[in-house]
Amino acid sequence: MTAEVGLAERVWVVCGLNGLLALGLLALVRPILRLRTALWVTERALDNWQRAAKPALALTSAELLHLRARLQANRTTLGRWRRRLQFWQGIRRLALWLQQRLYG
């Protein structure tokens, strides 16, 4: 008899907690819908801002030419550094090879 009473109490407790959870979810429906609307409004505002800002932020042909010249200069500098690195890697390989032959 005691086991049945304890089981019944547990069932009522679980049902009560489920009911409280359902009430909590119902209480959150309105704020969630408001947040959804606020997010939609924000998304529309950002989309409008992006459309308005695109022409204002577009690069002029002079700026593009300047960027192209800088890119070519950077490419040349990068090529120089790559050749230096290859040279020093070759020196290192030669030193390791000599070390292996002489002391290995």
PDB file of N, CA and C in Angstrom:
ATOM      1  N   MET A   1       0.820  -1.194   0.000  1.00  0.00           N
ATOM      2  CA  MET A   1       0.000   0.000   0.000  1.00  0.00           C
ATOM      3  C   MET A   1       0.861   1.253   0.000  1.00  0.00           C
ATOM      4  N   THR A   2       1.925   1.266   0.789  1.00  0.00           N
ATOM      5  CA  THR A   2       2.795   2.426   0.891  1.00  0.00           C
ATOM      6  C   THR A   2       3.518   2.665  -0.430  1.00  0.00           C
ATOM      7  N   ALA A   3       3.919   1.606  -1.099  1.00  0.00           N
ATOM      8  CA  ALA A   3       4.615   1.740  -2.380  1.00  0.00           C
ATOM      9  C   ALA A   3       3.698   2.351  -3.417  1.00  0.00           C
ATOM     10  N   GLU A   4       2.409   1.947  -3.382  1.00  0.00           N
ATOM     11  CA  GLU A   4       1.447   2.513  -4.336  1.00  0.00           C
ATOM     12  C   GLU A   4       1.205   3.989  -4.075  1.00  0.00           C
ATOM     13  N   VAL A   5       1.154   4.389  -2.833  1.00  0.00           N
ATOM     14  CA  VAL A   5       0.950   5.795  -2.477  1.00  0.00           C
ATOM     15  C   VAL A   5       2.161   6.613  -2.907  1.00  0.00           C
ATOM     16  N   GLY A   6       3.375   6.091  -2.691  1.00  0.00           N
ATOM     17  CA  GLY A   6       4.588   6.792  -3.097  1.00  0.00           C
ATOM     18  C   GLY A   6       4.650   6.951  -4.605  1.00  0.00           C
ATOM     19  N   LEU A   7       4.227   5.922  -5.337  1.00  0.00           N
ATOM     20  CA  LEU A   7       4.220   5.991  -6.798  1.00  0.00           C
ATOM     21  C   LEU A   7       3.200   7.012  -7.282  1.00  0.00           C
ATOM     22  N   ALA A   8       2.055   7.037  -6.665  1.00  0.00           N
ATOM     23  CA  ALA A   8       1.014   7.991  -7.042  1.00  0.00           C
ATOM     24  C   ALA A   8       1.483   9.420  -6.791  1.00  0.00           C
ATOM     25  N   GLU A   9       2.160   9.632  -5.657  1.00  0.00           N
ATOM     26  CA  GLU A   9       2.669  10.974  -5.361  1.00  0.00           C
ATOM     27  C   GLU A   9       3.710  11.399  -6.400  1.00  0.00           C
ATOM     28  N   ARG A  10       4.560  10.465  -6.777  1.00  0.00           N
ATOM     29  CA  ARG A  10       5.571  10.790  -7.799  1.00  0.00           C
ATOM     30  C   ARG A  10       4.925  11.137  -9.124  1.00  0.00           C
ATOM     31  N   VAL A  11       3.894  10.411  -9.491  1.00  0.00           N
ATOM     32  CA  VAL A  11       3.188  10.700 -10.748  1.00  0.00           C
ATOM     33  C   VAL A  11       2.590  12.098 -10.700  1.00  0.00           C
ATOM     34  N   TRP A  12       1.954  12.454  -9.564  1.00  0.00           N
ATOM     35  CA  TRP A  12       1.372  13.795  -9.436  1.00  0.00           C
ATOM     36  C   TRP A  12       2.449  14.881  -9.473  1.00  0.00           C
ATOM     37  N   VAL A  13       3.592  14.596  -8.869  1.00  0.00           N
ATOM     38  CA  VAL A  13       4.688  15.577  -8.891  1.00  0.00           C
ATOM     39  C   VAL A  13       5.176  15.779 -10.318  1.00  0.00           C
ATOM     40  N   VAL A  14       5.354  14.680 -11.061  1.00  0.00           N
ATOM     41  CA  VAL A  14       5.816  14.784 -12.443  1.00  0.00           C
ATOM     42  C   VAL A  14       4.783  15.526 -13.286  1.00  0.00           C
ATOM     43  N   CYS A  15       3.498  15.196 -13.105  1.00  0.00           N
ATOM     44  CA  CYS A  15       2.446  15.903 -13.859  1.00  0.00           C
ATOM     45  C   CYS A  15       2.430  17.391 -13.509  1.00  0.00           C
ATOM     46  N   GLY A  16       2.612  17.698 -12.227  1.00  0.00           N
ATOM     47  CA  GLY A  16       2.645  19.105 -11.814  1.00  0.00           C
ATOM     48  C   GLY A  16       3.811  19.849 -12.428  1.00  0.00           C
ATOM     49  N   LEU A  17       4.992  19.207 -12.448  1.00  0.00           N
ATOM     50  CA  LEU A  17       6.162  19.851 -13.060  1.00  0.00           C
ATOM     51  C   LEU A  17       5.967  20.040 -14.564  1.00  0.00           C
ATOM     52  N   ASN A  18       5.349  19.052 -15.214  1.00  0.00           N
ATOM     53  CA  ASN A  18       5.051  19.202 -16.649  1.00  0.00           C
ATOM     54  C   ASN A  18       4.076  20.345 -16.890  1.00  0.00           C
ATOM     55  N   GLY A  19       3.099  20.474 -15.989  1.00  0.00           N
ATOM     56  CA  GLY A  19       2.143  21.577 -16.112  1.00  0.00           C
ATOM     57  C   GLY A  19       2.825  22.928 -15.945  1.00  0.00           C
ATOM     58  N   LEU A  20       3.729  23.019 -14.964  1.00  0.00           N
ATOM     59  CA  LEU A  20       4.471  24.269 -14.756  1.00  0.00           C
ATOM     60  C   LEU A  20       5.351  24.596 -15.963  1.00  0.00           C
ATOM     61  N   LEU A  21       5.956  23.564 -16.525  1.00  0.00           N
ATOM     62  CA  LEU A  21       6.775  23.763 -17.716  1.00  0.00           C
ATOM     63  C   LEU A  21       5.927  24.268 -18.874  1.00  0.00           C
ATOM     64  N   ALA A  22       4.741  23.693 -19.055  1.00  0.00           N
ATOM     65  CA  ALA A  22       3.838  24.143 -20.124  1.00  0.00           C
ATOM     66  C   ALA A  22       3.426  25.591 -19.903  1.00  0.00           C
ATOM     67  N   LEU A  23       3.115  25.957 -18.658  1.00  0.00           N
ATOM     68  CA  LEU A  23       2.744  27.347 -18.360  1.00  0.00           C
ATOM     69  C   LEU A  23       3.907  28.296 -18.633  1.00  0.00           C
ATOM     70  N   GLY A  24       5.117  27.857 -18.281  1.00  0.00           N
ATOM     71  CA  GLY A  24       6.298  28.685 -18.560  1.00  0.00           C
ATOM     72  C   GLY A  24       6.496  28.896 -20.054  1.00  0.00           C
ATOM     73  N   LEU A  25       6.301  27.838 -20.831  1.00  0.00           N
ATOM     74  CA  LEU A  25       6.431  27.971 -22.289  1.00  0.00           C
ATOM     75  C   LEU A  25       5.360  28.880 -22.858  1.00  0.00           C
ATOM     76  N   LEU A  26       4.153  28.768 -22.340  1.00  0.00           N
ATOM     77  CA  LEU A  26       3.083  29.658 -22.798  1.00  0.00           C
ATOM     78  C   LEU A  26       3.397  31.114 -22.454  1.00  0.00           C
ATOM     79  N   ALA A  27       4.013  31.324 -21.295  1.00  0.00           N
ATOM     80  CA  ALA A  27       4.372  32.682 -20.901  1.00  0.00           C
ATOM     81  C   ALA A  27       5.473  33.243 -21.808  1.00  0.00           C
ATOM     82  N   LEU A  28       6.287  32.377 -22.393  1.00  0.00           N
ATOM     83  CA  LEU A  28       7.382  32.833 -23.248  1.00  0.00           C
ATOM     84  C   LEU A  28       6.978  33.025 -24.709  1.00  0.00           C
ATOM     85  N   VAL A  29       5.793  32.614 -25.079  1.00  0.00           N
ATOM     86  CA  VAL A  29       5.381  32.725 -26.483  1.00  0.00           C
ATOM     87  C   VAL A  29       5.377  34.174 -26.940  1.00  0.00           C
ATOM     88  N   ARG A  30       4.782  35.065 -26.191  1.00  0.00           N
ATOM     89  CA  ARG A  30       4.685  36.476 -26.594  1.00  0.00           C
ATOM     90  C   ARG A  30       6.071  37.127 -26.716  1.00  0.00           C
ATOM     91  N   PRO A  31       6.978  36.989 -25.727  1.00  0.00           N
ATOM     92  CA  PRO A  31       8.318  37.575 -25.902  1.00  0.00           C
ATOM     93  C   PRO A  31       9.070  36.989 -27.099  1.00  0.00           C
ATOM     94  N   ILE A  32       8.895  35.692 -27.346  1.00  0.00           N
ATOM     95  CA  ILE A  32       9.564  35.078 -28.491  1.00  0.00           C
ATOM     96  C   ILE A  32       9.037  35.680 -29.797  1.00  0.00           C
ATOM     97  N   LEU A  33       7.740  35.871 -29.884  1.00  0.00           N
ATOM     98  CA  LEU A  33       7.170  36.481 -31.092  1.00  0.00           C
ATOM     99  C   LEU A  33       7.651  37.927 -31.254  1.00  0.00           C
ATOM    100  N   ARG A  34       7.774  38.643 -30.142  1.00  0.00           N
ATOM    101  CA  ARG A  34       8.290  40.021 -30.213  1.00  0.00           C
ATOM    102  C   ARG A  34       9.747  40.029 -30.686  1.00  0.00           C
ATOM    103  N   LEU A  35      10.546  39.104 -30.172  1.00  0.00           N
ATOM    104  CA  LEU A  35      11.936  39.018 -30.616  1.00  0.00           C
ATOM    105  C   LEU A  35      12.020  38.677 -32.093  1.00  0.00           C
ATOM    106  N   ARG A  36      11.158  37.801 -32.533  1.00  0.00           N
ATOM    107  CA  ARG A  36      11.141  37.438 -33.951  1.00  0.00           C
ATOM    108  C   ARG A  36      10.831  38.663 -34.816  1.00  0.00           C
ATOM    109  N   THR A  37       9.851  39.446 -34.389  1.00  0.00           N
ATOM    110  CA  THR A  37       9.505  40.661 -35.124  1.00  0.00           C
ATOM    111  C   THR A  37      10.664  41.658 -35.093  1.00  0.00           C
ATOM    112  N   ALA A  38      11.298  41.809 -33.939  1.00  0.00           N
ATOM    113  CA  ALA A  38      12.436  42.724 -33.830  1.00  0.00           C
ATOM    114  C   ALA A  38      13.584  42.275 -34.722  1.00  0.00           C
ATOM    115  N   LEU A  39      13.833  40.974 -34.780  1.00  0.00           N
ATOM    116  CA  LEU A  39      14.887  40.459 -35.658  1.00  0.00           C
ATOM    117  C   LEU A  39      14.554  40.700 -37.127  1.00  0.00           C
ATOM    118  N   TRP A  40      13.299  40.551 -37.480  1.00  0.00           N
ATOM    119  CA  TRP A  40      12.887  40.791 -38.866  1.00  0.00           C
ATOM    120  C   TRP A  40      13.098  42.259 -39.229  1.00  0.00           C
ATOM    121  N   VAL A  41      12.707  43.161 -38.324  1.00  0.00           N
ATOM    122  CA  VAL A  41      12.882  44.596 -38.572  1.00  0.00           C
ATOM    123  C   VAL A  41      14.374  44.924 -38.705  1.00  0.00           C
ATOM    124  N   THR A  42      15.189  44.345 -37.845  1.00  0.00           N
ATOM    125  CA  THR A  42      16.630  44.582 -37.916  1.00  0.00           C
ATOM    126  C   THR A  42      17.202  44.065 -39.224  1.00  0.00           C
ATOM    127  N   GLU A  43      16.751  42.893 -39.638  1.00  0.00           N
ATOM    128  CA  GLU A  43      17.230  42.332 -40.898  1.00  0.00           C
ATOM    129  C   GLU A  43      16.864  43.233 -42.072  1.00  0.00           C
ATOM    130  N   ARG A  44      15.657  43.749 -42.079  1.00  0.00           N
ATOM    131  CA  ARG A  44      15.227  44.644 -43.161  1.00  0.00           C
ATOM    132  C   ARG A  44      16.050  45.938 -43.145  1.00  0.00           C
ATOM    133  N   ALA A  45      16.309  46.478 -41.953  1.00  0.00           N
ATOM    134  CA  ALA A  45      17.096  47.713 -41.854  1.00  0.00           C
ATOM    135  C   ALA A  45      18.519  47.482 -42.356  1.00  0.00           C
ATOM    136  N   LEU A  46      19.118  46.359 -41.989  1.00  0.00           N
ATOM    137  CA  LEU A  46      20.466  46.060 -42.461  1.00  0.00           C
ATOM    138  C   LEU A  46      20.498  45.853 -43.969  1.00  0.00           C
ATOM    139  N   ASP A  47      19.473  45.221 -44.499  1.00  0.00           N
ATOM    140  CA  ASP A  47      19.395  45.023 -45.945  1.00  0.00           C
ATOM    141  C   ASP A  47      19.280  46.363 -46.665  1.00  0.00           C
ATOM    142  N   ASN A  48      18.430  47.249 -46.150  1.00  0.00           N
ATOM    143  CA  ASN A  48      18.291  48.581 -46.748  1.00  0.00           C
ATOM    144  C   ASN A  48      19.589  49.375 -46.651  1.00  0.00           C
ATOM    145  N   TRP A  49      20.267  49.281 -45.504  1.00  0.00           N
ATOM    146  CA  TRP A  49      21.540  49.986 -45.326  1.00  0.00           C
ATOM    147  C   TRP A  49      22.570  49.461 -46.307  1.00  0.00           C
ATOM    148  N   GLN A  50      22.600  48.140 -46.489  1.00  0.00           N
ATOM    149  CA  GLN A  50      23.570  47.551 -47.410  1.00  0.00           C
ATOM    150  C   GLN A  50      23.311  48.034 -48.839  1.00  0.00           C
ATOM    151  N   ARG A  51      22.051  48.052 -49.238  1.00  0.00           N
ATOM    152  CA  ARG A  51      21.725  48.535 -50.592  1.00  0.00           C
ATOM    153  C   ARG A  51      22.115  50.003 -50.765  1.00  0.00           C
ATOM    154  N   ALA A  52      21.909  50.809 -49.736  1.00  0.00           N
ATOM    155  CA  ALA A  52      22.246  52.229 -49.822  1.00  0.00           C
ATOM    156  C   ALA A  52      23.750  52.453 -49.778  1.00  0.00           C
ATOM    157  N   ALA A  53      24.478  51.620 -49.051  1.00  0.00           N
ATOM    158  CA  ALA A  53      25.910  51.828 -48.860  1.00  0.00           C
ATOM    159  C   ALA A  53      26.758  51.312 -50.012  1.00  0.00           C
ATOM    160  N   LYS A  54      26.241  50.344 -50.775  1.00  0.00           N
ATOM    161  CA  LYS A  54      27.047  49.773 -51.856  1.00  0.00           C
ATOM    162  C   LYS A  54      27.568  50.818 -52.834  1.00  0.00           C
ATOM    163  N   PRO A  55      26.722  51.671 -53.371  1.00  0.00           N
ATOM    164  CA  PRO A  55      27.262  52.673 -54.306  1.00  0.00           C
ATOM    165  C   PRO A  55      28.226  53.655 -53.640  1.00  0.00           C
ATOM    166  N   ALA A  56      27.962  53.981 -52.380  1.00  0.00           N
ATOM    167  CA  ALA A  56      28.819  54.943 -51.689  1.00  0.00           C
ATOM    168  C   ALA A  56      30.197  54.358 -51.392  1.00  0.00           C
ATOM    169  N   LEU A  57      30.269  53.047 -51.217  1.00  0.00           N
ATOM    170  CA  LEU A  57      31.531  52.418 -50.864  1.00  0.00           C
ATOM    171  C   LEU A  57      32.287  51.863 -52.070  1.00  0.00           C
ATOM    172  N   ALA A  58      31.728  52.005 -53.252  1.00  0.00           N
ATOM    173  CA  ALA A  58      32.380  51.465 -54.445  1.00  0.00           C
ATOM    174  C   ALA A  58      33.679  52.242 -54.720  1.00  0.00           C
ATOM    175  N   LEU A  59      34.710  51.521 -55.134  1.00  0.00           N
ATOM    176  CA  LEU A  59      35.999  52.143 -55.420  1.00  0.00           C
ATOM    177  C   LEU A  59      35.972  52.868 -56.764  1.00  0.00           C
ATOM    178  N   THR A  60      36.697  53.972 -56.830  1.00  0.00           N
ATOM    179  CA  THR A  60      36.817  54.691 -58.099  1.00  0.00           C
ATOM    180  C   THR A  60      37.900  54.030 -58.932  1.00  0.00           C
ATOM    181  N   SER A  61      37.948  54.381 -60.210  1.00  0.00           N
ATOM    182  CA  SER A  61      38.950  53.768 -61.082  1.00  0.00           C
ATOM    183  C   SER A  61      40.372  54.148 -60.655  1.00  0.00           C
ATOM    184  N   ALA A  62      40.574  55.362 -60.148  1.00  0.00           N
ATOM    185  CA  ALA A  62      41.902  55.776 -59.681  1.00  0.00           C
ATOM    186  C   ALA A  62      42.337  54.931 -58.485  1.00  0.00           C
ATOM    187  N   GLU A  63      41.390  54.686 -57.566  1.00  0.00           N
ATOM    188  CA  GLU A  63      41.719  53.845 -56.417  1.00  0.00           C
ATOM    189  C   GLU A  63      42.040  52.422 -56.849  1.00  0.00           C
ATOM    190  N   LEU A  64      41.301  51.916 -57.829  1.00  0.00           N
ATOM    191  CA  LEU A  64      41.570  50.575 -58.340  1.00  0.00           C
ATOM    192  C   LEU A  64      42.955  50.492 -58.981  1.00  0.00           C
ATOM    193  N   LEU A  65      43.330  51.539 -59.736  1.00  0.00           N
ATOM    194  CA  LEU A  65      44.660  51.554 -60.346  1.00  0.00           C
ATOM    195  C   LEU A  65      45.752  51.588 -59.274  1.00  0.00           C
ATOM    196  N   HIS A  66      45.517  52.372 -58.238  1.00  0.00           N
ATOM    197  CA  HIS A  66      46.483  52.452 -57.145  1.00  0.00           C
ATOM    198  C   HIS A  66      46.621  51.087 -56.454  1.00  0.00           C
ATOM    199  N   LEU A  67      45.494  50.437 -56.197  1.00  0.00           N
ATOM    200  CA  LEU A  67      45.537  49.118 -55.568  1.00  0.00           C
ATOM    201  C   LEU A  67      46.231  48.094 -56.466  1.00  0.00           C
ATOM    202  N   ARG A  68      46.014  48.205 -57.753  1.00  0.00           N
ATOM    203  CA  ARG A  68      46.661  47.285 -58.703  1.00  0.00           C
ATOM    204  C   ARG A  68      48.181  47.490 -58.683  1.00  0.00           C
ATOM    205  N   ALA A  69      48.629  48.750 -58.655  1.00  0.00           N
ATOM    206  CA  ALA A  69      50.061  49.041 -58.609  1.00  0.00           C
ATOM    207  C   ALA A  69      50.673  48.495 -57.310  1.00  0.00           C
ATOM    208  N   ARG A  70      49.973  48.668 -56.189  1.00  0.00           N
ATOM    209  CA  ARG A  70      50.475  48.150 -54.919  1.00  0.00           C
ATOM    210  C   ARG A  70      50.543  46.630 -54.930  1.00  0.00           C
ATOM    211  N   LEU A  71      49.550  46.011 -55.556  1.00  0.00           N
ATOM    212  CA  LEU A  71      49.546  44.551 -55.653  1.00  0.00           C
ATOM    213  C   LEU A  71      50.738  44.058 -56.470  1.00  0.00           C
ATOM    214  N   GLN A  72      51.032  44.738 -57.573  1.00  0.00           N
ATOM    215  CA  GLN A  72      52.187  44.347 -58.387  1.00  0.00           C
ATOM    216  C   GLN A  72      53.493  44.534 -57.616  1.00  0.00           C
ATOM    217  N   ALA A  73      53.598  45.637 -56.875  1.00  0.00           N
ATOM    218  CA  ALA A  73      54.797  45.876 -56.071  1.00  0.00           C
ATOM    219  C   ALA A  73      54.936  44.802 -54.982  1.00  0.00           C
ATOM    220  N   ASN A  74      53.826  44.457 -54.353  1.00  0.00           N
ATOM    221  CA  ASN A  74      53.864  43.416 -53.325  1.00  0.00           C
ATOM    222  C   ASN A  74      54.237  42.073 -53.931  1.00  0.00           C
ATOM    223  N   ARG A  75      53.750  41.802 -55.124  1.00  0.00           N
ATOM    224  CA  ARG A  75      54.079  40.552 -55.809  1.00  0.00           C
ATOM    225  C   ARG A  75      55.577  40.477 -56.102  1.00  0.00           C
ATOM    226  N   THR A  76      56.149  41.608 -56.542  1.00  0.00           N
ATOM    227  CA  THR A  76      57.585  41.657 -56.812  1.00  0.00           C
ATOM    228  C   THR A  76      58.386  41.428 -55.533  1.00  0.00           C
ATOM    229  N   THR A  77      57.997  42.109 -54.459  1.00  0.00           N
ATOM    230  CA  THR A  77      58.680  41.952 -53.176  1.00  0.00           C
ATOM    231  C   THR A  77      58.560  40.519 -52.676  1.00  0.00           C
ATOM    232  N   LEU A  78      57.391  39.947 -52.816  1.00  0.00           N
ATOM    233  CA  LEU A  78      57.186  38.567 -52.391  1.00  0.00           C
ATOM    234  C   LEU A  78      58.071  37.610 -53.192  1.00  0.00           C
ATOM    235  N   GLY A  79      58.197  37.848 -54.495  1.00  0.00           N
ATOM    236  CA  GLY A  79      59.074  37.018 -55.324  1.00  0.00           C
ATOM    237  C   GLY A  79      60.517  37.112 -54.879  1.00  0.00           C
ATOM    238  N   ARG A  80      60.974  38.327 -54.527  1.00  0.00           N
ATOM    239  CA  ARG A  80      62.334  38.521 -54.028  1.00  0.00           C
ATOM    240  C   ARG A  80      62.565  37.745 -52.730  1.00  0.00           C
ATOM    241  N   TRP A  81      61.635  37.853 -51.806  1.00  0.00           N
ATOM    242  CA  TRP A  81      61.769  37.149 -50.537  1.00  0.00           C
ATOM    243  C   TRP A  81      61.717  35.639 -50.729  1.00  0.00           C
ATOM    244  N   ARG A  82      60.909  35.181 -51.685  1.00  0.00           N
ATOM    245  CA  ARG A  82      60.839  33.749 -51.957  1.00  0.00           C
ATOM    246  C   ARG A  82      62.181  33.237 -52.477  1.00  0.00           C
ATOM    247  N   ARG A  83      62.824  34.005 -53.369  1.00  0.00           N
ATOM    248  CA  ARG A  83      64.139  33.605 -53.884  1.00  0.00           C
ATOM    249  C   ARG A  83      65.184  33.591 -52.782  1.00  0.00           C
ATOM    250  N   ARG A  84      65.145  34.580 -51.874  1.00  0.00           N
ATOM    251  CA  ARG A  84      66.077  34.603 -50.745  1.00  0.00           C
ATOM    252  C   ARG A  84      65.869  33.387 -49.847  1.00  0.00           C
ATOM    253  N   LEU A  85      64.613  33.078 -49.597  1.00  0.00           N
ATOM    254  CA  LEU A  85      64.312  31.920 -48.762  1.00  0.00           C
ATOM    255  C   LEU A  85      64.821  30.640 -49.415  1.00  0.00           C
ATOM    256  N   GLN A  86      64.611  30.482 -50.710  1.00  0.00           N
ATOM    257  CA  GLN A  86      65.095  29.297 -51.415  1.00  0.00           C
ATOM    258  C   GLN A  86      66.621  29.221 -51.356  1.00  0.00           C
ATOM    259  N   PHE A  87      67.287  30.376 -51.487  1.00  0.00           N
ATOM    260  CA  PHE A  87      68.743  30.406 -51.407  1.00  0.00           C
ATOM    261  C   PHE A  87      69.213  29.900 -50.043  1.00  0.00           C
ATOM    262  N   TRP A  88      68.639  30.444 -48.974  1.00  0.00           N
ATOM    263  CA  TRP A  88      69.070  30.057 -47.640  1.00  0.00           C
ATOM    264  C   TRP A  88      68.672  28.619 -47.316  1.00  0.00           C
ATOM    265  N   GLN A  89      67.567  28.153 -47.872  1.00  0.00           N
ATOM    266  CA  GLN A  89      67.205  26.744 -47.689  1.00  0.00           C
ATOM    267  C   GLN A  89      68.219  25.849 -48.393  1.00  0.00           C
ATOM    268  N   GLY A  90      68.696  26.279 -49.557  1.00  0.00           N
ATOM    269  CA  GLY A  90      69.731  25.526 -50.257  1.00  0.00           C
ATOM    270  C   GLY A  90      71.024  25.481 -49.462  1.00  0.00           C
ATOM    271  N   ILE A  91      71.404  26.617 -48.873  1.00  0.00           N
ATOM    272  CA  ILE A  91      72.606  26.668 -48.036  1.00  0.00           C
ATOM    273  C   ILE A  91      72.442  25.717 -46.845  1.00  0.00           C
ATOM    274  N   ARG A  92      71.276  25.727 -46.238  1.00  0.00           N
ATOM    275  CA  ARG A  92      71.016  24.855 -45.086  1.00  0.00           C
ATOM    276  C   ARG A  92      71.098  23.386 -45.497  1.00  0.00           C
ATOM    277  N   ARG A  93      70.478  23.054 -46.644  1.00  0.00           N
ATOM    278  CA  ARG A  93      70.548  21.667 -47.121  1.00  0.00           C
ATOM    279  C   ARG A  93      71.994  21.238 -47.380  1.00  0.00           C
ATOM    280  N   LEU A  94      72.770  22.144 -47.989  1.00  0.00           N
ATOM    281  CA  LEU A  94      74.173  21.844 -48.259  1.00  0.00           C
ATOM    282  C   LEU A  94      74.935  21.621 -46.953  1.00  0.00           C
ATOM    283  N   ALA A  95      74.688  22.474 -45.948  1.00  0.00           N
ATOM    284  CA  ALA A  95      75.360  22.331 -44.655  1.00  0.00           C
ATOM    285  C   ALA A  95      74.973  21.011 -43.993  1.00  0.00           C
ATOM    286  N   LEU A  96      73.705  20.650 -44.058  1.00  0.00           N
ATOM    287  CA  LEU A  96      73.272  19.381 -43.480  1.00  0.00           C
ATOM    288  C   LEU A  96      73.873  18.198 -44.222  1.00  0.00           C
ATOM    289  N   TRP A  97      73.947  18.306 -45.538  1.00  0.00           N
ATOM    290  CA  TRP A  97      74.531  17.232 -46.350  1.00  0.00           C
ATOM    291  C   TRP A  97      76.015  17.058 -46.012  1.00  0.00           C
ATOM    292  N   LEU A  98      76.745  18.200 -45.917  1.00  0.00           N
ATOM    293  CA  LEU A  98      78.165  18.138 -45.551  1.00  0.00           C
ATOM    294  C   LEU A  98      78.358  17.562 -44.151  1.00  0.00           C
ATOM    295  N   GLN A  99      77.499  17.991 -43.223  1.00  0.00           N
ATOM    296  CA  GLN A  99      77.586  17.475 -41.863  1.00  0.00           C
ATOM    297  C   GLN A  99      77.376  15.964 -41.855  1.00  0.00           C
ATOM    298  N   GLN A 100      76.402  15.508 -42.645  1.00  0.00           N
ATOM    299  CA  GLN A 100      76.127  14.080 -42.699  1.00  0.00           C
ATOM    300  C   GLN A 100      77.298  13.309 -43.314  1.00  0.00           C
ATOM    301  N   ARG A 101      77.895  13.874 -44.375  1.00  0.00           N
ATOM    302  CA  ARG A 101      79.005  13.196 -45.048  1.00  0.00           C
ATOM    303  C   ARG A 101      80.278  13.194 -44.197  1.00  0.00           C
ATOM    304  N   LEU A 102      80.533  14.297 -43.533  1.00  0.00           N
ATOM    305  CA  LEU A 102      81.794  14.419 -42.809  1.00  0.00           C
ATOM    306  C   LEU A 102      81.721  13.799 -41.412  1.00  0.00           C
ATOM    307  N   TYR A 103      80.577  13.978 -40.726  1.00  0.00           N
ATOM    308  CA  TYR A 103      80.489  13.539 -39.338  1.00  0.00           C
ATOM    309  C   TYR A 103      79.508  12.402 -39.138  1.00  0.00           C
ATOM    310  N   GLY A 104      78.761  12.034 -40.180  1.00  0.00           N
ATOM    311  CA  GLY A 104      77.670  11.085 -40.029  1.00  0.00           C
ATOM    312  C   GLY A 104      78.054   9.696 -40.098  1.00  0.00           C
TER     313      GLY A 104
END
